[in-house]
């Protein structure tokens, strides 16, 4: 039987392929933040899907799974 390594937070990683995924705009609306603020929060976060359309960084699209969004939001809530 294949073992699954622990995720970044010490828990077993979930299969995020079948979770709800959010765009930067959706998270900004949910969290009441600006799109640029959310982009900066997620751009270097582990397990965020980044799709670069062309050679320019400005054409990078980010999608964030529900579990990663919860992890970011919890971290932000605990920091306040």
PDB file of N, CA and C in Angstrom:
ATOM      1  N   UNK A   1       0.834  -1.175   0.000  1.00  0.00           N
ATOM      2  CA  UNK A   1       0.000   0.000   0.000  1.00  0.00           C
ATOM      3  C   UNK A   1       0.884   1.244   0.000  1.00  0.00           C
ATOM      4  N   UNK A   2       0.537   2.203  -0.828  1.00  0.00           N
ATOM      5  CA  UNK A   2       1.318   3.428  -0.956  1.00  0.00           C
ATOM      6  C   UNK A   2       0.999   4.380   0.189  1.00  0.00           C
ATOM      7  N   UNK A   3       2.056   4.899   0.851  1.00  0.00           N
ATOM      8  CA  UNK A   3       1.851   5.871   1.915  1.00  0.00           C
ATOM      9  C   UNK A   3       1.857   7.269   1.331  1.00  0.00           C
ATOM     10  N   UNK A   4       1.057   8.135   1.937  1.00  0.00           N
ATOM     11  CA  UNK A   4       0.995   9.521   1.508  1.00  0.00           C
ATOM     12  C   UNK A   4       1.750  10.359   2.517  1.00  0.00           C
ATOM     13  N   UNK A   5       2.655  11.181   2.021  1.00  0.00           N
ATOM     14  CA  UNK A   5       3.449  12.034   2.909  1.00  0.00           C
ATOM     15  C   UNK A   5       2.579  13.118   3.519  1.00  0.00           C
ATOM     16  N   UNK A   6       3.008  13.602   4.662  1.00  0.00           N
ATOM     17  CA  UNK A   6       2.279  14.671   5.335  1.00  0.00           C
ATOM     18  C   UNK A   6       2.361  15.948   4.517  1.00  0.00           C
ATOM     19  N   UNK A   7       1.314  16.771   4.612  1.00  0.00           N
ATOM     20  CA  UNK A   7       1.263  18.046   3.916  1.00  0.00           C
ATOM     21  C   UNK A   7       2.108  19.088   4.625  1.00  0.00           C
ATOM     22  N   UNK A   8       2.012  20.316   4.170  1.00  0.00           N
ATOM     23  CA  UNK A   8       2.815  21.416   4.714  1.00  0.00           C
ATOM     24  C   UNK A   8       2.455  21.735   6.153  1.00  0.00           C
ATOM     25  N   UNK A   9       1.219  21.448   6.548  1.00  0.00           N
ATOM     26  CA  UNK A   9       0.800  21.768   7.908  1.00  0.00           C
ATOM     27  C   UNK A   9       0.819  20.544   8.812  1.00  0.00           C
ATOM     28  N   UNK A  10       1.451  19.459   8.366  1.00  0.00           N
ATOM     29  CA  UNK A  10       1.575  18.254   9.172  1.00  0.00           C
ATOM     30  C   UNK A  10       0.416  17.289   9.001  1.00  0.00           C
ATOM     31  N   UNK A  11      -0.635  17.700   8.312  1.00  0.00           N
ATOM     32  CA  UNK A  11      -1.769  16.828   8.078  1.00  0.00           C
ATOM     33  C   UNK A  11      -1.605  16.140   6.738  1.00  0.00           C
ATOM     34  N   UNK A  12      -2.372  15.071   6.561  1.00  0.00           N
ATOM     35  CA  UNK A  12      -2.356  14.405   5.264  1.00  0.00           C
ATOM     36  C   UNK A  12      -2.975  15.319   4.225  1.00  0.00           C
ATOM     37  N   UNK A  13      -2.352  15.425   3.063  1.00  0.00           N
ATOM     38  CA  UNK A  13      -2.929  16.306   2.044  1.00  0.00           C
ATOM     39  C   UNK A  13      -4.239  15.736   1.531  1.00  0.00           C
ATOM     40  N   UNK A  14      -5.210  16.596   1.304  1.00  0.00           N
ATOM     41  CA  UNK A  14      -6.470  16.139   0.738  1.00  0.00           C
ATOM     42  C   UNK A  14      -6.332  16.123  -0.777  1.00  0.00           C
ATOM     43  N   UNK A  15      -7.268  15.495  -1.418  1.00  0.00           N
ATOM     44  CA  UNK A  15      -7.248  15.473  -2.870  1.00  0.00           C
ATOM     45  C   UNK A  15      -7.901  16.751  -3.365  1.00  0.00           C
ATOM     46  N   UNK A  16      -7.123  17.806  -3.497  1.00  0.00           N
ATOM     47  CA  UNK A  16      -7.659  19.123  -3.815  1.00  0.00           C
ATOM     48  C   UNK A  16      -8.199  19.231  -5.242  1.00  0.00           C
ATOM     49  N   UNK A  17      -7.960  18.226  -6.067  1.00  0.00           N
ATOM     50  CA  UNK A  17      -8.449  18.284  -7.441  1.00  0.00           C
ATOM     51  C   UNK A  17      -9.972  18.332  -7.495  1.00  0.00           C
ATOM     52  N   UNK A  18     -10.632  17.792  -6.486  1.00  0.00           N
ATOM     53  CA  UNK A  18     -12.089  17.726  -6.491  1.00  0.00           C
ATOM     54  C   UNK A  18     -12.732  18.704  -5.521  1.00  0.00           C
ATOM     55  N   UNK A  19     -11.927  19.594  -4.941  1.00  0.00           N
ATOM     56  CA  UNK A  19     -12.447  20.631  -4.059  1.00  0.00           C
ATOM     57  C   UNK A  19     -12.906  21.825  -4.888  1.00  0.00           C
ATOM     58  N   UNK A  20     -13.689  22.681  -4.249  1.00  0.00           N
ATOM     59  CA  UNK A  20     -14.033  23.981  -4.831  1.00  0.00           C
ATOM     60  C   UNK A  20     -12.735  24.761  -5.011  1.00  0.00           C
ATOM     61  N   UNK A  21     -12.584  25.445  -6.119  1.00  0.00           N
ATOM     62  CA  UNK A  21     -11.420  26.304  -6.360  1.00  0.00           C
ATOM     63  C   UNK A  21     -11.892  27.736  -6.554  1.00  0.00           C
ATOM     64  N   UNK A  22     -11.111  28.680  -6.043  1.00  0.00           N
ATOM     65  CA  UNK A  22     -11.466  30.091  -6.086  1.00  0.00           C
ATOM     66  C   UNK A  22     -10.450  30.874  -6.895  1.00  0.00           C
ATOM     67  N   UNK A  23     -10.942  31.871  -7.593  1.00  0.00           N
ATOM     68  CA  UNK A  23     -10.051  32.801  -8.284  1.00  0.00           C
ATOM     69  C   UNK A  23      -9.671  33.911  -7.304  1.00  0.00           C
ATOM     70  N   UNK A  24      -8.732  34.743  -7.697  1.00  0.00           N
ATOM     71  CA  UNK A  24      -8.322  35.881  -6.879  1.00  0.00           C
ATOM     72  C   UNK A  24      -9.525  36.797  -6.634  1.00  0.00           C
ATOM     73  N   UNK A  25     -10.301  37.063  -7.662  1.00  0.00           N
ATOM     74  CA  UNK A  25     -11.466  37.947  -7.536  1.00  0.00           C
ATOM     75  C   UNK A  25     -12.495  37.390  -6.563  1.00  0.00           C
ATOM     76  N   UNK A  26     -12.731  36.098  -6.624  1.00  0.00           N
ATOM     77  CA  UNK A  26     -13.709  35.477  -5.719  1.00  0.00           C
ATOM     78  C   UNK A  26     -13.253  35.573  -4.268  1.00  0.00           C
ATOM     79  N   UNK A  27     -11.969  35.296  -4.015  1.00  0.00           N
ATOM     80  CA  UNK A  27     -11.456  35.393  -2.648  1.00  0.00           C
ATOM     81  C   UNK A  27     -11.478  36.832  -2.150  1.00  0.00           C
ATOM     82  N   UNK A  28     -11.155  37.776  -3.022  1.00  0.00           N
ATOM     83  CA  UNK A  28     -11.178  39.188  -2.634  1.00  0.00           C
ATOM     84  C   UNK A  28     -12.579  39.591  -2.195  1.00  0.00           C
ATOM     85  N   UNK A  29     -13.572  39.141  -2.920  1.00  0.00           N
ATOM     86  CA  UNK A  29     -14.958  39.461  -2.577  1.00  0.00           C
ATOM     87  C   UNK A  29     -15.366  38.786  -1.263  1.00  0.00           C
ATOM     88  N   UNK A  30     -15.018  37.514  -1.107  1.00  0.00           N
ATOM     89  CA  UNK A  30     -15.360  36.778   0.116  1.00  0.00           C
ATOM     90  C   UNK A  30     -14.704  37.377   1.356  1.00  0.00           C
ATOM     91  N   UNK A  31     -13.455  37.796   1.224  1.00  0.00           N
ATOM     92  CA  UNK A  31     -12.683  38.278   2.364  1.00  0.00           C
ATOM     93  C   UNK A  31     -12.757  39.787   2.543  1.00  0.00           C
ATOM     94  N   UNK A  32     -13.357  40.488   1.600  1.00  0.00           N
ATOM     95  CA  UNK A  32     -13.456  41.938   1.699  1.00  0.00           C
ATOM     96  C   UNK A  32     -12.123  42.648   1.536  1.00  0.00           C
ATOM     97  N   UNK A  33     -11.275  42.099   0.680  1.00  0.00           N
ATOM     98  CA  UNK A  33      -9.956  42.672   0.415  1.00  0.00           C
ATOM     99  C   UNK A  33      -9.847  43.034  -1.056  1.00  0.00           C
ATOM    100  N   UNK A  34      -8.837  43.791  -1.405  1.00  0.00           N
ATOM    101  CA  UNK A  34      -8.571  44.111  -2.802  1.00  0.00           C
ATOM    102  C   UNK A  34      -7.934  42.928  -3.519  1.00  0.00           C
ATOM    103  N   UNK A  35      -8.114  42.890  -4.818  1.00  0.00           N
ATOM    104  CA  UNK A  35      -7.556  41.781  -5.613  1.00  0.00           C
ATOM    105  C   UNK A  35      -6.041  41.715  -5.502  1.00  0.00           C
ATOM    106  N   UNK A  36      -5.384  42.867  -5.525  1.00  0.00           N
ATOM    107  CA  UNK A  36      -3.917  42.875  -5.454  1.00  0.00           C
ATOM    108  C   UNK A  36      -3.438  42.346  -4.103  1.00  0.00           C
ATOM    109  N   UNK A  37      -4.150  42.682  -3.037  1.00  0.00           N
ATOM    110  CA  UNK A  37      -3.791  42.180  -1.705  1.00  0.00           C
ATOM    111  C   UNK A  37      -3.903  40.655  -1.656  1.00  0.00           C
ATOM    112  N   UNK A  38      -4.981  40.123  -2.211  1.00  0.00           N
ATOM    113  CA  UNK A  38      -5.178  38.667  -2.225  1.00  0.00           C
ATOM    114  C   UNK A  38      -4.125  38.014  -3.105  1.00  0.00           C
ATOM    115  N   UNK A  39      -3.831  38.620  -4.249  1.00  0.00           N
ATOM    116  CA  UNK A  39      -2.809  38.044  -5.138  1.00  0.00           C
ATOM    117  C   UNK A  39      -1.474  37.933  -4.412  1.00  0.00           C
ATOM    118  N   UNK A  40      -1.113  38.961  -3.662  1.00  0.00           N
ATOM    119  CA  UNK A  40       0.150  38.925  -2.918  1.00  0.00           C
ATOM    120  C   UNK A  40       0.130  37.865  -1.827  1.00  0.00           C
ATOM    121  N   UNK A  41      -1.040  37.633  -1.237  1.00  0.00           N
ATOM    122  CA  UNK A  41      -1.151  36.607  -0.201  1.00  0.00           C
ATOM    123  C   UNK A  41      -0.982  35.194  -0.760  1.00  0.00           C
ATOM    124  N   UNK A  42      -1.499  34.946  -1.955  1.00  0.00           N
ATOM    125  CA  UNK A  42      -1.498  33.582  -2.484  1.00  0.00           C
ATOM    126  C   UNK A  42      -0.355  33.269  -3.431  1.00  0.00           C
ATOM    127  N   UNK A  43       0.324  34.277  -3.959  1.00  0.00           N
ATOM    128  CA  UNK A  43       1.283  34.028  -5.043  1.00  0.00           C
ATOM    129  C   UNK A  43       2.443  33.107  -4.652  1.00  0.00           C
ATOM    130  N   UNK A  44       2.868  33.108  -3.402  1.00  0.00           N
ATOM    131  CA  UNK A  44       3.965  32.236  -2.978  1.00  0.00           C
ATOM    132  C   UNK A  44       3.512  31.153  -2.008  1.00  0.00           C
ATOM    133  N   UNK A  45       2.214  30.993  -1.886  1.00  0.00           N
ATOM    134  CA  UNK A  45       1.649  29.995  -0.979  1.00  0.00           C
ATOM    135  C   UNK A  45       1.786  28.602  -1.610  1.00  0.00           C
ATOM    136  N   UNK A  46       2.217  27.615  -0.804  1.00  0.00           N
ATOM    137  CA  UNK A  46       2.292  26.247  -1.341  1.00  0.00           C
ATOM    138  C   UNK A  46       0.906  25.744  -1.755  1.00  0.00           C
ATOM    139  N   UNK A  47       0.860  24.933  -2.761  1.00  0.00           N
ATOM    140  CA  UNK A  47      -0.345  24.252  -3.249  1.00  0.00           C
ATOM    141  C   UNK A  47      -1.330  25.157  -3.979  1.00  0.00           C
ATOM    142  N   UNK A  48      -0.937  26.374  -4.343  1.00  0.00           N
ATOM    143  CA  UNK A  48      -1.769  27.243  -5.169  1.00  0.00           C
ATOM    144  C   UNK A  48      -1.442  26.929  -6.625  1.00  0.00           C
ATOM    145  N   UNK A  49      -2.478  26.767  -7.438  1.00  0.00           N
ATOM    146  CA  UNK A  49      -2.274  26.470  -8.849  1.00  0.00           C
ATOM    147  C   UNK A  49      -2.002  27.766  -9.595  1.00  0.00           C
ATOM    148  N   UNK A  50      -0.886  27.781 -10.341  1.00  0.00           N
ATOM    149  CA  UNK A  50      -0.490  28.956 -11.112  1.00  0.00           C
ATOM    150  C   UNK A  50      -0.429  28.557 -12.580  1.00  0.00           C
ATOM    151  N   UNK A  51      -1.143  29.290 -13.399  1.00  0.00           N
ATOM    152  CA  UNK A  51      -1.130  29.036 -14.835  1.00  0.00           C
ATOM    153  C   UNK A  51      -0.671  30.315 -15.516  1.00  0.00           C
ATOM    154  N   UNK A  52       0.483  30.243 -16.148  1.00  0.00           N
ATOM    155  CA  UNK A  52       1.018  31.409 -16.841  1.00  0.00           C
ATOM    156  C   UNK A  52       0.615  31.343 -18.304  1.00  0.00           C
ATOM    157  N   UNK A  53      -0.055  32.389 -18.737  1.00  0.00           N
ATOM    158  CA  UNK A  53      -0.515  32.474 -20.117  1.00  0.00           C
ATOM    159  C   UNK A  53       0.450  33.385 -20.872  1.00  0.00           C
ATOM    160  N   UNK A  54       1.450  32.811 -21.491  1.00  0.00           N
ATOM    161  CA  UNK A  54       2.459  33.599 -22.184  1.00  0.00           C
ATOM    162  C   UNK A  54       3.694  33.772 -21.320  1.00  0.00           C
ATOM    163  N   UNK A  55       4.562  34.672 -21.721  1.00  0.00           N
ATOM    164  CA  UNK A  55       5.843  34.847 -21.044  1.00  0.00           C
ATOM    165  C   UNK A  55       5.790  35.858 -19.908  1.00  0.00           C
ATOM    166  N   UNK A  56       4.786  36.715 -19.880  1.00  0.00           N
ATOM    167  CA  UNK A  56       4.736  37.786 -18.895  1.00  0.00           C
ATOM    168  C   UNK A  56       4.099  37.321 -17.590  1.00  0.00           C
ATOM    169  N   UNK A  57       4.706  37.727 -16.471  1.00  0.00           N
ATOM    170  CA  UNK A  57       4.176  37.363 -15.160  1.00  0.00           C
ATOM    171  C   UNK A  57       2.782  37.926 -14.928  1.00  0.00           C
ATOM    172  N   UNK A  58       2.486  39.071 -15.533  1.00  0.00           N
ATOM    173  CA  UNK A  58       1.177  39.681 -15.313  1.00  0.00           C
ATOM    174  C   UNK A  58       0.046  38.832 -15.899  1.00  0.00           C
ATOM    175  N   UNK A  59       0.375  37.894 -16.752  1.00  0.00           N
ATOM    176  CA  UNK A  59      -0.619  37.003 -17.340  1.00  0.00           C
ATOM    177  C   UNK A  59      -0.712  35.675 -16.590  1.00  0.00           C
ATOM    178  N   UNK A  60      -0.359  35.673 -15.315  1.00  0.00           N
ATOM    179  CA  UNK A  60      -0.442  34.469 -14.500  1.00  0.00           C
ATOM    180  C   UNK A  60      -1.795  34.442 -13.800  1.00  0.00           C
ATOM    181  N   UNK A  61      -2.501  33.323 -13.920  1.00  0.00           N
ATOM    182  CA  UNK A  61      -3.792  33.137 -13.277  1.00  0.00           C
ATOM    183  C   UNK A  61      -3.618  32.168 -12.120  1.00  0.00           C
ATOM    184  N   UNK A  62      -4.179  32.528 -10.980  1.00  0.00           N
ATOM    185  CA  UNK A  62      -4.062  31.710  -9.779  1.00  0.00           C
ATOM    186  C   UNK A  62      -5.423  31.117  -9.447  1.00  0.00           C
ATOM    187  N   UNK A  63      -5.426  29.848  -9.048  1.00  0.00           N
ATOM    188  CA  UNK A  63      -6.631  29.243  -8.479  1.00  0.00           C
ATOM    189  C   UNK A  63      -6.229  28.634  -7.144  1.00  0.00           C
ATOM    190  N   UNK A  64      -7.105  28.798  -6.171  1.00  0.00           N
ATOM    191  CA  UNK A  64      -6.827  28.387  -4.807  1.00  0.00           C
ATOM    192  C   UNK A  64      -7.894  27.402  -4.375  1.00  0.00           C
ATOM    193  N   UNK A  65      -7.464  26.209  -3.958  1.00  0.00           N
ATOM    194  CA  UNK A  65      -8.437  25.221  -3.500  1.00  0.00           C
ATOM    195  C   UNK A  65      -9.020  25.659  -2.163  1.00  0.00           C
ATOM    196  N   UNK A  66     -10.165  25.099  -1.825  1.00  0.00           N
ATOM    197  CA  UNK A  66     -10.854  25.478  -0.595  1.00  0.00           C
ATOM    198  C   UNK A  66      -9.992  25.243   0.639  1.00  0.00           C
ATOM    199  N   UNK A  67      -9.274  24.124   0.684  1.00  0.00           N
ATOM    200  CA  UNK A  67      -8.449  23.834   1.860  1.00  0.00           C
ATOM    201  C   UNK A  67      -7.298  24.837   2.003  1.00  0.00           C
ATOM    202  N   UNK A  68      -6.710  25.265   0.900  1.00  0.00           N
ATOM    203  CA  UNK A  68      -5.634  26.259   0.955  1.00  0.00           C
ATOM    204  C   UNK A  68      -6.207  27.616   1.349  1.00  0.00           C
ATOM    205  N   UNK A  69      -7.376  27.972   0.823  1.00  0.00           N
ATOM    206  CA  UNK A  69      -8.021  29.233   1.189  1.00  0.00           C
ATOM    207  C   UNK A  69      -8.317  29.262   2.690  1.00  0.00           C
ATOM    208  N   UNK A  70      -8.788  28.138   3.228  1.00  0.00           N
ATOM    209  CA  UNK A  70      -9.045  28.062   4.669  1.00  0.00           C
ATOM    210  C   UNK A  70      -7.758  28.219   5.462  1.00  0.00           C
ATOM    211  N   UNK A  71      -6.684  27.601   4.988  1.00  0.00           N
ATOM    212  CA  UNK A  71      -5.392  27.703   5.674  1.00  0.00           C
ATOM    213  C   UNK A  71      -4.900  29.153   5.702  1.00  0.00           C
ATOM    214  N   UNK A  72      -5.006  29.851   4.585  1.00  0.00           N
ATOM    215  CA  UNK A  72      -4.574  31.248   4.512  1.00  0.00           C
ATOM    216  C   UNK A  72      -5.450  32.108   5.421  1.00  0.00           C
ATOM    217  N   UNK A  73      -6.754  31.919   5.345  1.00  0.00           N
ATOM    218  CA  UNK A  73      -7.680  32.723   6.137  1.00  0.00           C
ATOM    219  C   UNK A  73      -7.475  32.494   7.633  1.00  0.00           C
ATOM    220  N   UNK A  74      -7.244  31.248   8.030  1.00  0.00           N
ATOM    221  CA  UNK A  74      -6.994  30.940   9.436  1.00  0.00           C
ATOM    222  C   UNK A  74      -5.707  31.606   9.903  1.00  0.00           C
ATOM    223  N   UNK A  75      -4.664  31.546   9.091  1.00  0.00           N
ATOM    224  CA  UNK A  75      -3.395  32.182   9.440  1.00  0.00           C
ATOM    225  C   UNK A  75      -3.575  33.701   9.615  1.00  0.00           C
ATOM    226  N   UNK A  76      -4.346  34.316   8.713  1.00  0.00           N
ATOM    227  CA  UNK A  76      -4.596  35.753   8.794  1.00  0.00           C
ATOM    228  C   UNK A  76      -5.441  36.099  10.018  1.00  0.00           C
ATOM    229  N   UNK A  77      -6.425  35.266  10.321  1.00  0.00           N
ATOM    230  CA  UNK A  77      -7.293  35.508  11.469  1.00  0.00           C
ATOM    231  C   UNK A  77      -6.519  35.398  12.777  1.00  0.00           C
ATOM    232  N   UNK A  78      -5.603  34.446  12.848  1.00  0.00           N
ATOM    233  CA  UNK A  78      -4.809  34.248  14.067  1.00  0.00           C
ATOM    234  C   UNK A  78      -3.757  35.338  14.243  1.00  0.00           C
ATOM    235  N   UNK A  79      -3.340  35.971  13.160  1.00  0.00           N
ATOM    236  CA  UNK A  79      -2.322  37.014  13.231  1.00  0.00           C
ATOM    237  C   UNK A  79      -2.902  38.329  13.757  1.00  0.00           C
ATOM    238  N   UNK A  80      -4.208  38.484  13.598  1.00  0.00           N
ATOM    239  CA  UNK A  80      -4.846  39.756  14.011  1.00  0.00           C
ATOM    240  C   UNK A  80      -5.009  39.874  15.505  1.00  0.00           C
TER     241      UNK A  80
END
